[in-house]
Amino acid sequence: MRRLSPHRTHLSALLFSKVILLYFITVAPAVSPVHAAQIAGPASLAQIAAALNAGQFNQAVRAYTRIGESGDCSGYRNRAVIFKDLGRYDLAIKTLLVACKAGRDDNQTLRLLGRLYFLDGQTDNAVRVLRSAVEITPDIETIVTLGLCYQAKGDDARAQEYLNAAVTLDAGNVMAHLTLADLYVRQKKLVESAREY
């Protein structure tokens, strides 16, 4: 394994801290339905920014963990999204399972957990969680993801059922139409596929 020089390691850590800080300032507040400052308070966000600027990653993680412990799921979801963006679906799933075990799960958390299971190749878990989310509040993205799960499992009839439901629920949703068209192509139903484009 090639070791980086201390100078390059410091530069990598500095770049990482700036990327994470940029995420917390711009993306994380938008991910949550409630602005992060309303949940954590401006002092907590200032602590995170100061710790990241100083290269104190462990302090930043602890401060962000305190936000997640505030009783709201958005902190858990935001951390899970960071792990997802880093390609660490396993850590993202573990983060959301902690929220669920603590009784802090909500429909947004269930939808994200289901999508993460799907991205991680755990289609049975994805179907279980996404069906629970759809029972609470049906939304197009979750229904389409359910269709993709069934398609990945080889259950084209179930996939078609969910994708048709998504198209019926929102006839203008391009993703639902394209996903259904792709399913029809796989089934060699080219006329039906052309209608979806």
C-alpha atoms as a PDB file:
ATOM      1  CA  MET A   1       0.000   0.000   0.000  1.00  0.00           C
ATOM      2  CA  ARG A   2       1.381   3.369  -1.019  1.00  0.00           C
ATOM      3  CA  ARG A   3       1.686   5.874   1.802  1.00  0.00           C
ATOM      4  CA  LEU A   4       1.029   9.536   1.212  1.00  0.00           C
ATOM      5  CA  SER A   5       3.508  12.093   2.435  1.00  0.00           C
ATOM      6  CA  PRO A   6       2.404  14.060   5.530  1.00  0.00           C
ATOM      7  CA  HIS A   7       1.999  17.148   3.322  1.00  0.00           C
ATOM      8  CA  ARG A   8      -0.299  15.314   0.857  1.00  0.00           C
ATOM      9  CA  THR A   9      -2.231  13.728   3.727  1.00  0.00           C
ATOM     10  CA  HIS A  10      -2.809  17.163   5.230  1.00  0.00           C
ATOM     11  CA  LEU A  11      -3.943  18.509   1.837  1.00  0.00           C
ATOM     12  CA  SER A  12      -6.304  15.562   1.395  1.00  0.00           C
ATOM     13  CA  ALA A  13      -7.751  16.096   4.863  1.00  0.00           C
ATOM     14  CA  LEU A  14      -8.110  19.819   4.200  1.00  0.00           C
ATOM     15  CA  LEU A  15      -9.879  19.183   0.889  1.00  0.00           C
ATOM     16  CA  PHE A  16     -12.154  16.617   2.553  1.00  0.00           C
ATOM     17  CA  SER A  17     -13.011  19.080   5.316  1.00  0.00           C
ATOM     18  CA  LYS A  18     -13.888  21.774   2.783  1.00  0.00           C
ATOM     19  CA  VAL A  19     -16.109  19.381   0.826  1.00  0.00           C
ATOM     20  CA  ILE A  20     -17.921  18.271   3.977  1.00  0.00           C
ATOM     21  CA  LEU A  21     -18.293  21.882   5.125  1.00  0.00           C
ATOM     22  CA  LEU A  22     -19.708  22.848   1.739  1.00  0.00           C
ATOM     23  CA  TYR A  23     -22.129  19.925   2.025  1.00  0.00           C
ATOM     24  CA  PHE A  24     -23.325  21.022   5.469  1.00  0.00           C
ATOM     25  CA  ILE A  25     -23.777  24.599   4.351  1.00  0.00           C
ATOM     26  CA  THR A  26     -25.484  24.035   1.001  1.00  0.00           C
ATOM     27  CA  VAL A  27     -26.905  20.533   0.595  1.00  0.00           C
ATOM     28  CA  ALA A  28     -27.747  19.234   4.079  1.00  0.00           C
ATOM     29  CA  PRO A  29     -30.214  22.022   4.904  1.00  0.00           C
ATOM     30  CA  ALA A  30     -32.008  21.384   1.608  1.00  0.00           C
ATOM     31  CA  VAL A  31     -32.187  17.610   2.186  1.00  0.00           C
ATOM     32  CA  SER A  32     -34.090  18.056   5.390  1.00  0.00           C
ATOM     33  CA  PRO A  33     -37.678  19.285   5.254  1.00  0.00           C
ATOM     34  CA  VAL A  34     -36.800  21.477   8.223  1.00  0.00           C
ATOM     35  CA  HIS A  35     -33.716  23.661   7.945  1.00  0.00           C
ATOM     36  CA  ALA A  36     -30.846  22.110   9.895  1.00  0.00           C
ATOM     37  CA  ALA A  37     -30.306  25.281  11.923  1.00  0.00           C
ATOM     38  CA  GLN A  38     -33.848  25.010  13.272  1.00  0.00           C
ATOM     39  CA  ILE A  39     -33.136  21.503  14.508  1.00  0.00           C
ATOM     40  CA  ALA A  40     -29.609  21.865  15.788  1.00  0.00           C
ATOM     41  CA  GLY A  41     -29.432  25.553  16.451  1.00  0.00           C
ATOM     42  CA  PRO A  42     -26.881  27.868  14.870  1.00  0.00           C
ATOM     43  CA  ALA A  43     -24.350  27.183  17.646  1.00  0.00           C
ATOM     44  CA  SER A  44     -24.153  23.480  16.760  1.00  0.00           C
ATOM     45  CA  LEU A  45     -23.643  24.219  13.070  1.00  0.00           C
ATOM     46  CA  ALA A  46     -20.980  26.789  13.951  1.00  0.00           C
ATOM     47  CA  GLN A  47     -19.223  24.124  16.072  1.00  0.00           C
ATOM     48  CA  ILE A  48     -19.242  21.726  13.118  1.00  0.00           C
ATOM     49  CA  ALA A  49     -17.873  24.356  10.732  1.00  0.00           C
ATOM     50  CA  ALA A  50     -15.133  25.349  13.192  1.00  0.00           C
ATOM     51  CA  ALA A  51     -14.130  21.733  13.809  1.00  0.00           C
ATOM     52  CA  LEU A  52     -13.993  20.968  10.089  1.00  0.00           C
ATOM     53  CA  ASN A  53     -11.966  24.104   9.356  1.00  0.00           C
ATOM     54  CA  ALA A  54      -9.500  23.072  12.053  1.00  0.00           C
ATOM     55  CA  GLY A  55      -9.272  19.539  10.623  1.00  0.00           C
ATOM     56  CA  GLN A  56     -10.841  18.071  13.762  1.00  0.00           C
ATOM     57  CA  PHE A  57     -12.986  15.464  12.072  1.00  0.00           C
ATOM     58  CA  ASN A  58     -13.827  13.491  15.203  1.00  0.00           C
ATOM     59  CA  GLN A  59     -15.171  16.623  16.902  1.00  0.00           C
ATOM     60  CA  ALA A  60     -17.239  17.438  13.828  1.00  0.00           C
ATOM     61  CA  VAL A  61     -18.703  13.925  13.769  1.00  0.00           C
ATOM     62  CA  ARG A  62     -19.540  14.134  17.491  1.00  0.00           C
ATOM     63  CA  ALA A  63     -21.218  17.517  17.008  1.00  0.00           C
ATOM     64  CA  TYR A  64     -23.203  16.214  14.057  1.00  0.00           C
ATOM     65  CA  THR A  65     -24.150  13.124  16.054  1.00  0.00           C
ATOM     66  CA  ARG A  66     -25.610  15.402  18.728  1.00  0.00           C
ATOM     67  CA  ILE A  67     -27.807  16.924  16.024  1.00  0.00           C
ATOM     68  CA  GLY A  68     -29.023  13.417  15.163  1.00  0.00           C
ATOM     69  CA  GLU A  69     -29.812  12.790  18.813  1.00  0.00           C
ATOM     70  CA  SER A  70     -32.079  15.823  18.958  1.00  0.00           C
ATOM     71  CA  GLY A  71     -35.161  13.634  18.510  1.00  0.00           C
ATOM     72  CA  ASP A  72     -35.624  14.404  14.818  1.00  0.00           C
ATOM     73  CA  CYS A  73     -34.799  11.986  11.997  1.00  0.00           C
ATOM     74  CA  SER A  74     -33.291  14.589   9.693  1.00  0.00           C
ATOM     75  CA  GLY A  75     -29.860  14.311  11.323  1.00  0.00           C
ATOM     76  CA  TYR A  76     -29.847  10.565  10.735  1.00  0.00           C
ATOM     77  CA  ARG A  77     -31.078  11.029   7.160  1.00  0.00           C
ATOM     78  CA  ASN A  78     -28.436  13.652   6.424  1.00  0.00           C
ATOM     79  CA  ARG A  79     -25.668  11.387   7.721  1.00  0.00           C
ATOM     80  CA  ALA A  80     -27.083   8.492   5.697  1.00  0.00           C
ATOM     81  CA  VAL A  81     -27.094  10.632   2.545  1.00  0.00           C
ATOM     82  CA  ILE A  82     -23.427  11.502   3.137  1.00  0.00           C
ATOM     83  CA  PHE A  83     -22.562   7.803   3.435  1.00  0.00           C
ATOM     84  CA  LYS A  84     -24.660   7.035   0.326  1.00  0.00           C
ATOM     85  CA  ASP A  85     -22.830   9.699  -1.654  1.00  0.00           C
ATOM     86  CA  LEU A  86     -19.537   8.159  -0.535  1.00  0.00           C
ATOM     87  CA  GLY A  87     -20.757   4.773  -1.798  1.00  0.00           C
ATOM     88  CA  ARG A  88     -20.939   3.346   1.727  1.00  0.00           C
ATOM     89  CA  TYR A  89     -24.458   1.944   1.582  1.00  0.00           C
ATOM     90  CA  ASP A  90     -23.730  -0.342   4.538  1.00  0.00           C
ATOM     91  CA  LEU A  91     -22.987   2.610   6.838  1.00  0.00           C
ATOM     92  CA  ALA A  92     -25.943   4.573   5.487  1.00  0.00           C
ATOM     93  CA  ILE A  93     -28.249   1.625   6.218  1.00  0.00           C
ATOM     94  CA  LYS A  94     -26.802   1.191   9.731  1.00  0.00           C
ATOM     95  CA  THR A  95     -27.352   4.892  10.420  1.00  0.00           C
ATOM     96  CA  LEU A  96     -31.020   4.695   9.455  1.00  0.00           C
ATOM     97  CA  LEU A  97     -31.540   1.446  11.357  1.00  0.00           C
ATOM     98  CA  VAL A  98     -30.362   3.242  14.496  1.00  0.00           C
ATOM     99  CA  ALA A  99     -33.063   5.860  13.908  1.00  0.00           C
ATOM    100  CA  CYS A 100     -35.679   3.145  13.360  1.00  0.00           C
ATOM    101  CA  LYS A 101     -34.678   1.203  16.484  1.00  0.00           C
ATOM    102  CA  ALA A 102     -34.873   4.394  18.507  1.00  0.00           C
ATOM    103  CA  GLY A 103     -38.440   4.868  17.284  1.00  0.00           C
ATOM    104  CA  ARG A 104     -37.459   7.915  15.265  1.00  0.00           C
ATOM    105  CA  ASP A 105     -38.414   6.531  11.893  1.00  0.00           C
ATOM    106  CA  ASP A 106     -40.798   8.411   9.686  1.00  0.00           C
ATOM    107  CA  ASN A 107     -41.926   7.997   6.116  1.00  0.00           C
ATOM    108  CA  GLN A 108     -38.942   9.883   4.675  1.00  0.00           C
ATOM    109  CA  THR A 109     -36.575   7.671   6.642  1.00  0.00           C
ATOM    110  CA  LEU A 110     -38.336   4.515   5.453  1.00  0.00           C
ATOM    111  CA  ARG A 111     -38.208   5.651   1.822  1.00  0.00           C
ATOM    112  CA  LEU A 112     -34.507   6.428   2.038  1.00  0.00           C
ATOM    113  CA  LEU A 113     -33.805   3.141   3.831  1.00  0.00           C
ATOM    114  CA  GLY A 114     -35.676   1.213   1.129  1.00  0.00           C
ATOM    115  CA  ARG A 115     -33.728   2.945  -1.636  1.00  0.00           C
ATOM    116  CA  LEU A 116     -30.456   2.227   0.140  1.00  0.00           C
ATOM    117  CA  TYR A 117     -31.337  -1.438   0.473  1.00  0.00           C
ATOM    118  CA  PHE A 118     -32.072  -1.470  -3.267  1.00  0.00           C
ATOM    119  CA  LEU A 119     -28.765   0.236  -4.118  1.00  0.00           C
ATOM    120  CA  ASP A 120     -26.980  -2.261  -1.867  1.00  0.00           C
ATOM    121  CA  GLY A 121     -28.588  -5.196  -3.704  1.00  0.00           C
ATOM    122  CA  GLN A 122     -30.806  -6.216  -0.777  1.00  0.00           C
ATOM    123  CA  THR A 123     -34.011  -6.285  -2.816  1.00  0.00           C
ATOM    124  CA  ASP A 124     -36.062  -8.324  -0.328  1.00  0.00           C
ATOM    125  CA  ASN A 125     -35.358  -5.808   2.436  1.00  0.00           C
ATOM    126  CA  ALA A 126     -35.966  -2.952   0.001  1.00  0.00           C
ATOM    127  CA  VAL A 127     -39.386  -4.337  -0.965  1.00  0.00           C
ATOM    128  CA  ARG A 128     -40.385  -4.848   2.677  1.00  0.00           C
ATOM    129  CA  VAL A 129     -39.429  -1.315   3.719  1.00  0.00           C
ATOM    130  CA  LEU A 130     -40.706   0.441   0.594  1.00  0.00           C
ATOM    131  CA  ARG A 131     -44.085  -1.296   0.830  1.00  0.00           C
ATOM    132  CA  SER A 132     -44.391  -0.007   4.391  1.00  0.00           C
ATOM    133  CA  ALA A 133     -43.549   3.503   3.183  1.00  0.00           C
ATOM    134  CA  VAL A 134     -46.098   3.334   0.342  1.00  0.00           C
ATOM    135  CA  GLU A 135     -48.798   2.220   2.785  1.00  0.00           C
ATOM    136  CA  ILE A 136     -48.151   5.362   4.855  1.00  0.00           C
ATOM    137  CA  THR A 137     -47.897   7.836   1.973  1.00  0.00           C
ATOM    138  CA  PRO A 138     -47.779   6.711  -1.646  1.00  0.00           C
ATOM    139  CA  ASP A 139     -45.352   8.769  -3.707  1.00  0.00           C
ATOM    140  CA  ILE A 140     -44.161   8.303  -7.271  1.00  0.00           C
ATOM    141  CA  GLU A 141     -40.463   7.852  -6.558  1.00  0.00           C
ATOM    142  CA  THR A 142     -41.081   5.114  -4.003  1.00  0.00           C
ATOM    143  CA  ILE A 143     -43.558   3.309  -6.258  1.00  0.00           C
ATOM    144  CA  VAL A 144     -41.091   3.431  -9.173  1.00  0.00           C
ATOM    145  CA  THR A 145     -38.328   2.121  -6.900  1.00  0.00           C
ATOM    146  CA  LEU A 146     -40.635  -0.736  -5.869  1.00  0.00           C
ATOM    147  CA  GLY A 147     -41.149  -1.507  -9.553  1.00  0.00           C
ATOM    148  CA  LEU A 148     -37.372  -1.558 -10.041  1.00  0.00           C
ATOM    149  CA  CYS A 149     -36.985  -3.881  -7.049  1.00  0.00           C
ATOM    150  CA  TYR A 150     -39.445  -6.370  -8.489  1.00  0.00           C
ATOM    151  CA  GLN A 151     -37.774  -6.066 -11.879  1.00  0.00           C
ATOM    152  CA  ALA A 152     -34.408  -6.844 -10.256  1.00  0.00           C
ATOM    153  CA  LYS A 153     -35.984  -9.874  -8.571  1.00  0.00           C
ATOM    154  CA  GLY A 154     -37.241 -11.074 -11.969  1.00  0.00           C
ATOM    155  CA  ASP A 155     -40.907 -10.531 -11.099  1.00  0.00           C
ATOM    156  CA  ASP A 156     -41.858  -8.546 -14.199  1.00  0.00           C
ATOM    157  CA  ALA A 157     -45.612  -8.847 -13.564  1.00  0.00           C
ATOM    158  CA  ARG A 158     -45.291  -7.186 -10.136  1.00  0.00           C
ATOM    159  CA  ALA A 159     -42.852  -4.610 -11.568  1.00  0.00           C
ATOM    160  CA  GLN A 160     -45.346  -3.743 -14.298  1.00  0.00           C
ATOM    161  CA  GLU A 161     -48.135  -3.452 -11.716  1.00  0.00           C
ATOM    162  CA  TYR A 162     -46.196  -0.883  -9.652  1.00  0.00           C
ATOM    163  CA  LEU A 163     -44.906   1.027 -12.668  1.00  0.00           C
ATOM    164  CA  ASN A 164     -48.409   1.257 -14.139  1.00  0.00           C
ATOM    165  CA  ALA A 165     -49.629   2.524 -10.765  1.00  0.00           C
ATOM    166  CA  ALA A 166     -46.930   5.209 -10.811  1.00  0.00           C
ATOM    167  CA  VAL A 167     -47.890   6.309 -14.327  1.00  0.00           C
ATOM    168  CA  THR A 168     -51.557   6.366 -13.322  1.00  0.00           C
ATOM    169  CA  LEU A 169     -50.798   8.385 -10.192  1.00  0.00           C
ATOM    170  CA  ASP A 170     -48.777  10.973 -12.133  1.00  0.00           C
ATOM    171  CA  ALA A 171     -49.112  10.776 -15.912  1.00  0.00           C
ATOM    172  CA  GLY A 172     -46.477  13.491 -16.327  1.00  0.00           C
ATOM    173  CA  ASN A 173     -43.724  11.693 -14.431  1.00  0.00           C
ATOM    174  CA  VAL A 174     -40.980  11.045 -16.983  1.00  0.00           C
ATOM    175  CA  MET A 175     -39.058   8.598 -14.785  1.00  0.00           C
ATOM    176  CA  ALA A 176     -42.118   6.380 -14.346  1.00  0.00           C
ATOM    177  CA  HIS A 177     -42.752   6.324 -18.103  1.00  0.00           C
ATOM    178  CA  LEU A 178     -39.119   5.594 -18.990  1.00  0.00           C
ATOM    179  CA  THR A 179     -38.844   2.837 -16.398  1.00  0.00           C
ATOM    180  CA  LEU A 180     -42.057   1.238 -17.669  1.00  0.00           C
ATOM    181  CA  ALA A 181     -40.828   1.588 -21.269  1.00  0.00           C
ATOM    182  CA  ASP A 182     -37.582  -0.165 -20.316  1.00  0.00           C
ATOM    183  CA  LEU A 183     -39.558  -3.001 -18.733  1.00  0.00           C
ATOM    184  CA  TYR A 184     -41.640  -3.373 -21.899  1.00  0.00           C
ATOM    185  CA  VAL A 185     -38.461  -3.529 -24.001  1.00  0.00           C
ATOM    186  CA  ARG A 186     -37.145  -6.316 -21.773  1.00  0.00           C
ATOM    187  CA  GLN A 187     -40.454  -8.132 -22.297  1.00  0.00           C
ATOM    188  CA  LYS A 188     -40.204  -7.578 -26.079  1.00  0.00           C
ATOM    189  CA  LYS A 189     -43.424  -5.503 -26.012  1.00  0.00           C
ATOM    190  CA  LEU A 190     -42.160  -2.840 -28.368  1.00  0.00           C
ATOM    191  CA  VAL A 191     -45.517  -1.218 -29.169  1.00  0.00           C
ATOM    192  CA  GLU A 192     -46.249  -0.686 -25.473  1.00  0.00           C
ATOM    193  CA  SER A 193     -42.716   0.571 -24.953  1.00  0.00           C
ATOM    194  CA  ALA A 194     -43.049   3.133 -27.750  1.00  0.00           C
ATOM    195  CA  ARG A 195     -46.230   4.500 -26.131  1.00  0.00           C
ATOM    196  CA  GLU A 196     -44.311   5.248 -22.931  1.00  0.00           C
ATOM    197  CA  TYR A 197     -41.686   7.320 -24.739  1.00  0.00           C
END
